[in-house]
């Protein structure tokens, strides 16, 4: 099933665009594909970070007995 796509307009310095065209050509792809991959990578990293952060806070909320006397109350 194809993924819905939407256009995005970016303004970049001309020198950056020139260099991006070279990188894309060397990799046999387009600037659009380069940008898409990088954004997907960042979004995936952020999702993984948010998930790990949520788990860490859940573990902290649970608390851990590290030995010694327990004090209830």
N, C-alpha and C. Protein backbone atom coordinates (compact mmCIF):
# COMPACT_ATOMS: atom_id res chain seq x y z
N UNK A 1 0.84 -1.18 0.00
CA UNK A 1 0.00 0.00 0.00
C UNK A 1 0.89 1.24 0.00
N UNK A 2 0.75 2.12 -0.96
CA UNK A 2 1.59 3.32 -1.04
C UNK A 2 1.32 4.27 0.12
N UNK A 3 2.38 4.92 0.53
CA UNK A 3 2.29 5.90 1.61
C UNK A 3 1.92 7.24 1.00
N UNK A 4 0.97 7.95 1.62
CA UNK A 4 0.61 9.29 1.14
C UNK A 4 1.79 10.23 1.35
N UNK A 5 2.04 11.04 0.37
CA UNK A 5 3.14 11.99 0.47
C UNK A 5 2.61 13.40 0.30
N UNK A 6 3.43 14.34 0.71
CA UNK A 6 3.08 15.75 0.60
C UNK A 6 4.35 16.53 0.28
N UNK A 7 4.22 17.54 -0.54
CA UNK A 7 5.38 18.35 -0.89
C UNK A 7 5.78 19.27 0.25
N UNK A 8 7.08 19.58 0.29
CA UNK A 8 7.65 20.47 1.29
C UNK A 8 8.64 21.37 0.58
N UNK A 9 8.54 22.66 0.81
CA UNK A 9 9.45 23.61 0.19
C UNK A 9 10.49 24.04 1.22
N UNK A 10 11.75 23.98 0.82
CA UNK A 10 12.84 24.40 1.69
C UNK A 10 13.63 25.51 1.03
N UNK A 11 14.13 26.41 1.83
CA UNK A 11 15.06 27.42 1.34
C UNK A 11 16.40 27.13 1.96
N UNK A 12 17.37 26.84 1.10
CA UNK A 12 18.72 26.54 1.55
C UNK A 12 19.71 27.41 0.80
N UNK A 13 20.87 27.64 1.39
CA UNK A 13 21.90 28.39 0.68
C UNK A 13 22.26 27.67 -0.63
N UNK A 14 22.53 28.45 -1.65
CA UNK A 14 22.84 27.89 -2.98
C UNK A 14 24.02 26.92 -2.91
N UNK A 15 25.02 27.23 -2.09
CA UNK A 15 26.20 26.37 -1.98
C UNK A 15 25.81 25.02 -1.37
N UNK A 16 24.89 25.03 -0.41
CA UNK A 16 24.43 23.78 0.20
C UNK A 16 23.69 22.93 -0.82
N UNK A 17 22.86 23.56 -1.64
CA UNK A 17 22.13 22.84 -2.67
C UNK A 17 23.10 22.24 -3.69
N UNK A 18 24.09 23.01 -4.07
CA UNK A 18 25.09 22.51 -5.03
C UNK A 18 25.79 21.28 -4.46
N UNK A 19 26.21 21.35 -3.21
CA UNK A 19 26.89 20.22 -2.57
C UNK A 19 25.95 19.03 -2.42
N UNK A 20 24.67 19.30 -2.09
CA UNK A 20 23.69 18.22 -1.94
C UNK A 20 23.47 17.50 -3.27
N UNK A 21 23.46 18.26 -4.36
CA UNK A 21 23.31 17.63 -5.69
C UNK A 21 24.46 16.68 -5.97
N UNK A 22 25.65 17.09 -5.58
CA UNK A 22 26.84 16.24 -5.79
C UNK A 22 26.74 14.97 -4.96
N UNK A 23 26.38 15.13 -3.67
CA UNK A 23 26.25 13.97 -2.79
C UNK A 23 25.17 13.02 -3.32
N UNK A 24 24.04 13.57 -3.71
CA UNK A 24 22.95 12.75 -4.24
C UNK A 24 23.40 11.99 -5.49
N UNK A 25 24.09 12.69 -6.40
CA UNK A 25 24.56 12.05 -7.63
C UNK A 25 25.55 10.93 -7.31
N UNK A 26 26.44 11.18 -6.37
CA UNK A 26 27.42 10.15 -5.99
C UNK A 26 26.74 8.92 -5.41
N UNK A 27 25.60 9.14 -4.75
CA UNK A 27 24.87 8.02 -4.13
C UNK A 27 23.79 7.46 -5.04
N UNK A 28 23.68 8.02 -6.23
CA UNK A 28 22.70 7.53 -7.19
C UNK A 28 21.27 7.77 -6.75
N UNK A 29 21.02 8.90 -6.14
CA UNK A 29 19.68 9.21 -5.64
C UNK A 29 19.39 10.68 -5.87
N UNK A 30 18.30 11.16 -5.29
CA UNK A 30 17.92 12.56 -5.44
C UNK A 30 18.10 13.30 -4.12
N UNK A 31 18.10 14.62 -4.20
CA UNK A 31 18.14 15.42 -2.97
C UNK A 31 16.90 15.11 -2.14
N UNK A 32 15.77 14.98 -2.78
CA UNK A 32 14.53 14.67 -2.07
C UNK A 32 14.67 13.37 -1.28
N UNK A 33 15.25 12.35 -1.90
CA UNK A 33 15.42 11.07 -1.21
C UNK A 33 16.41 11.20 -0.05
N UNK A 34 17.48 11.99 -0.23
CA UNK A 34 18.43 12.22 0.85
C UNK A 34 17.75 12.87 2.05
N UNK A 35 16.98 13.92 1.77
CA UNK A 35 16.30 14.65 2.84
C UNK A 35 15.26 13.75 3.51
N UNK A 36 14.52 12.99 2.71
CA UNK A 36 13.51 12.09 3.26
C UNK A 36 14.14 11.08 4.21
N UNK A 37 15.23 10.45 3.78
CA UNK A 37 15.90 9.45 4.62
C UNK A 37 16.38 10.07 5.93
N UNK A 38 16.97 11.26 5.84
CA UNK A 38 17.52 11.90 7.03
C UNK A 38 16.41 12.28 8.00
N UNK A 39 15.32 12.84 7.50
CA UNK A 39 14.21 13.21 8.37
C UNK A 39 13.59 11.96 9.01
N UNK A 40 13.43 10.90 8.23
CA UNK A 40 12.89 9.66 8.79
C UNK A 40 13.81 9.10 9.88
N UNK A 41 15.12 9.21 9.66
CA UNK A 41 16.10 8.77 10.66
C UNK A 41 15.95 9.58 11.96
N UNK A 42 15.84 10.89 11.83
CA UNK A 42 15.70 11.76 13.01
C UNK A 42 14.40 11.45 13.74
N UNK A 43 13.32 11.31 12.99
CA UNK A 43 12.02 11.01 13.60
C UNK A 43 12.07 9.66 14.32
N UNK A 44 12.69 8.67 13.69
CA UNK A 44 12.82 7.36 14.32
C UNK A 44 13.66 7.41 15.59
N UNK A 45 14.76 8.16 15.56
CA UNK A 45 15.59 8.32 16.75
C UNK A 45 14.80 9.00 17.86
N UNK A 46 14.03 10.01 17.51
CA UNK A 46 13.26 10.72 18.52
C UNK A 46 12.20 9.81 19.13
N UNK A 47 11.55 9.00 18.30
CA UNK A 47 10.54 8.07 18.81
C UNK A 47 11.18 7.06 19.77
N UNK A 48 12.36 6.56 19.42
CA UNK A 48 13.06 5.61 20.28
C UNK A 48 13.47 6.28 21.59
N UNK A 49 13.93 7.53 21.51
CA UNK A 49 14.31 8.28 22.70
C UNK A 49 13.10 8.48 23.61
N UNK A 50 11.99 8.91 23.03
CA UNK A 50 10.78 9.17 23.82
C UNK A 50 10.30 7.89 24.50
N UNK A 51 10.39 6.76 23.80
CA UNK A 51 9.98 5.48 24.36
C UNK A 51 10.90 5.09 25.53
N UNK A 52 12.21 5.25 25.35
CA UNK A 52 13.16 4.93 26.41
C UNK A 52 12.96 5.85 27.61
N UNK A 53 12.70 7.12 27.35
CA UNK A 53 12.47 8.09 28.42
C UNK A 53 11.23 7.70 29.22
N UNK A 54 10.16 7.31 28.52
CA UNK A 54 8.92 6.91 29.18
C UNK A 54 9.17 5.69 30.07
N UNK A 55 9.90 4.70 29.54
CA UNK A 55 10.21 3.50 30.33
C UNK A 55 11.05 3.85 31.56
N UNK A 56 12.02 4.74 31.39
CA UNK A 56 12.87 5.14 32.52
C UNK A 56 12.05 5.81 33.61
N UNK A 57 11.13 6.69 33.23
CA UNK A 57 10.29 7.34 34.23
C UNK A 57 9.36 6.33 34.92
N UNK A 58 8.89 5.33 34.18
CA UNK A 58 8.06 4.29 34.79
C UNK A 58 8.87 3.50 35.82
N UNK A 59 10.13 3.19 35.46
CA UNK A 59 10.99 2.47 36.40
C UNK A 59 11.26 3.31 37.64
N UNK A 60 11.52 4.59 37.45
CA UNK A 60 11.77 5.48 38.57
C UNK A 60 10.54 5.60 39.47
N UNK A 61 9.37 5.68 38.87
CA UNK A 61 8.14 5.78 39.65
C UNK A 61 7.91 4.51 40.47
N UNK A 62 8.35 3.38 39.94
CA UNK A 62 8.20 2.10 40.63
C UNK A 62 9.06 2.10 41.90
N UNK A 63 10.25 2.64 41.82
CA UNK A 63 11.18 2.65 42.95
C UNK A 63 11.90 1.32 43.08
N UNK A 64 13.01 1.34 43.75
CA UNK A 64 13.82 0.13 43.90
C UNK A 64 14.35 0.06 45.33
N UNK A 65 14.26 -1.11 45.93
CA UNK A 65 14.84 -1.32 47.25
C UNK A 65 16.29 -1.72 47.04
N UNK A 66 17.19 -0.92 47.58
CA UNK A 66 18.61 -1.16 47.34
C UNK A 66 19.31 -1.75 48.56
N UNK A 67 18.55 -2.32 49.44
CA UNK A 67 19.12 -2.92 50.65
C UNK A 67 18.90 -2.01 51.84
N UNK A 68 19.38 -2.46 52.97
CA UNK A 68 19.19 -1.67 54.17
C UNK A 68 17.80 -1.85 54.73
N UNK A 69 17.50 -1.07 55.75
CA UNK A 69 16.19 -1.17 56.38
C UNK A 69 15.13 -0.50 55.53
N UNK A 70 13.98 -1.12 55.51
CA UNK A 70 12.84 -0.49 54.81
C UNK A 70 12.12 0.42 55.79
N UNK A 71 11.80 1.57 55.32
CA UNK A 71 11.01 2.50 56.13
C UNK A 71 9.71 2.75 55.40
N UNK A 72 8.64 2.27 55.94
CA UNK A 72 7.32 2.49 55.32
C UNK A 72 6.67 3.69 55.99
N UNK A 73 6.05 4.53 55.16
CA UNK A 73 5.30 5.65 55.71
C UNK A 73 6.12 6.85 55.74
